[in-house]
Amino acid sequence: MNKHFEDARYYLKRAGETATKGVREELEPVEERFRELTGKEEEPEPSRLDAVKADLKELQGKAEGEAEQAIADAREKIGTYRQKEETEA
């Protein structure tokens, strides 16, 4: 892609991000007032500890799956080896 188009795409992306931040900043007081009037509080962001716990839970699931697969593969190889030994004997 032409370098000029790459530059233009980059600056358009940055302009969009900056505009989004500006709109959020401008609407923040309106949102706070709306929540105050309706009695709806903003959802709290998950704490860092909650995020770490979620990551650990995901890693645990992956590790368990990989361990089960490794055991299944090992059993299959052992079975194949035993069959081979029986046919040769």
Protein backbone atom coordinates (compact mmCIF):
# COMPACT_ATOMS: atom_id res chain seq x y z
CA MET A 1 0.00 0.00 0.00
CA ASN A 2 1.22 3.48 -0.79
CA LYS A 3 2.96 5.15 2.15
CA HIS A 4 0.63 8.16 1.89
CA PHE A 5 -2.44 5.95 2.28
CA GLU A 6 -0.88 4.20 5.27
CA ASP A 7 -0.21 7.57 6.88
CA ALA A 8 -3.73 8.77 6.13
CA ARG A 9 -5.25 5.61 7.59
CA TYR A 10 -3.16 6.00 10.75
CA TYR A 11 -4.18 9.63 11.25
CA LEU A 12 -7.86 8.85 10.59
CA LYS A 13 -7.72 6.12 13.21
CA ARG A 14 -6.12 8.50 15.70
CA ALA A 15 -8.70 11.20 14.90
CA GLY A 16 -11.50 8.70 15.53
CA GLU A 17 -10.00 7.63 18.86
CA THR A 18 -9.53 11.25 19.93
CA ALA A 19 -13.09 12.16 18.90
CA THR A 20 -14.46 9.18 20.85
CA LYS A 21 -12.57 10.26 23.97
CA GLY A 22 -13.85 13.81 23.54
CA VAL A 23 -17.48 12.71 23.20
CA ARG A 24 -17.19 10.48 26.27
CA GLU A 25 -15.66 13.32 28.24
CA GLU A 26 -18.42 15.73 27.20
CA LEU A 27 -21.21 13.26 27.98
CA GLU A 28 -19.80 12.13 31.32
CA PRO A 29 -21.61 14.82 33.36
CA VAL A 30 -24.87 14.05 31.52
CA GLU A 31 -24.50 10.34 32.28
CA GLU A 32 -23.77 11.04 35.94
CA ARG A 33 -26.83 13.30 36.19
CA PHE A 34 -28.99 10.68 34.47
CA ARG A 35 -27.82 7.96 36.83
CA GLU A 36 -28.42 10.26 39.79
CA LEU A 37 -31.99 10.99 38.67
CA THR A 38 -32.87 7.38 37.82
CA GLY A 39 -31.13 5.87 40.82
CA LYS A 40 -29.06 3.54 38.68
CA GLU A 41 -25.47 3.32 39.77
CA GLU A 42 -22.64 2.65 37.40
CA GLU A 43 -21.51 -0.97 37.29
CA PRO A 44 -18.23 -1.32 39.17
CA GLU A 45 -15.28 -2.45 37.13
CA PRO A 46 -13.95 -5.85 38.09
CA SER A 47 -11.11 -5.53 40.56
CA ARG A 48 -7.62 -6.53 39.62
CA LEU A 49 -7.92 -9.56 41.90
CA ASP A 50 -11.10 -10.67 40.11
CA ALA A 51 -9.36 -10.35 36.75
CA VAL A 52 -6.40 -12.42 37.97
CA LYS A 53 -8.76 -15.07 39.37
CA ALA A 54 -10.59 -15.27 36.05
CA ASP A 55 -7.29 -15.62 34.18
CA LEU A 56 -6.14 -18.36 36.54
CA LYS A 57 -9.44 -20.22 36.12
CA GLU A 58 -9.03 -20.07 32.34
CA LEU A 59 -5.42 -21.29 32.55
CA GLN A 60 -6.48 -24.12 34.84
CA GLY A 61 -9.10 -25.24 32.33
CA LYS A 62 -6.57 -25.17 29.50
CA ALA A 63 -4.01 -27.10 31.54
CA GLU A 64 -6.57 -29.76 32.48
CA GLY A 65 -7.58 -30.14 28.85
CA GLU A 66 -3.98 -30.44 27.70
CA ALA A 67 -3.21 -32.97 30.43
CA GLU A 68 -6.21 -35.10 29.47
CA GLN A 69 -5.14 -35.00 25.82
CA ALA A 70 -1.55 -35.97 26.72
CA ILE A 71 -2.81 -38.92 28.77
CA ALA A 72 -5.07 -40.06 25.93
CA ASP A 73 -2.20 -39.82 23.45
CA ALA A 74 0.11 -41.78 25.77
CA ARG A 75 -2.51 -44.51 26.26
CA GLU A 76 -2.96 -44.76 22.50
CA LYS A 77 0.78 -45.07 21.92
CA ILE A 78 1.08 -47.72 24.64
CA GLY A 79 -1.82 -49.64 23.12
CA THR A 80 -0.25 -49.49 19.67
CA TYR A 81 3.10 -50.60 21.10
CA ARG A 82 1.53 -53.55 22.93
CA GLN A 83 -0.35 -54.66 19.83
CA LYS A 84 2.85 -54.48 17.83
CA GLU A 85 4.71 -56.54 20.45
CA GLU A 86 1.92 -59.18 20.51
CA THR A 87 1.94 -59.57 16.72
CA GLU A 88 5.72 -59.91 16.63
CA ALA A 89 5.82 -62.46 19.46
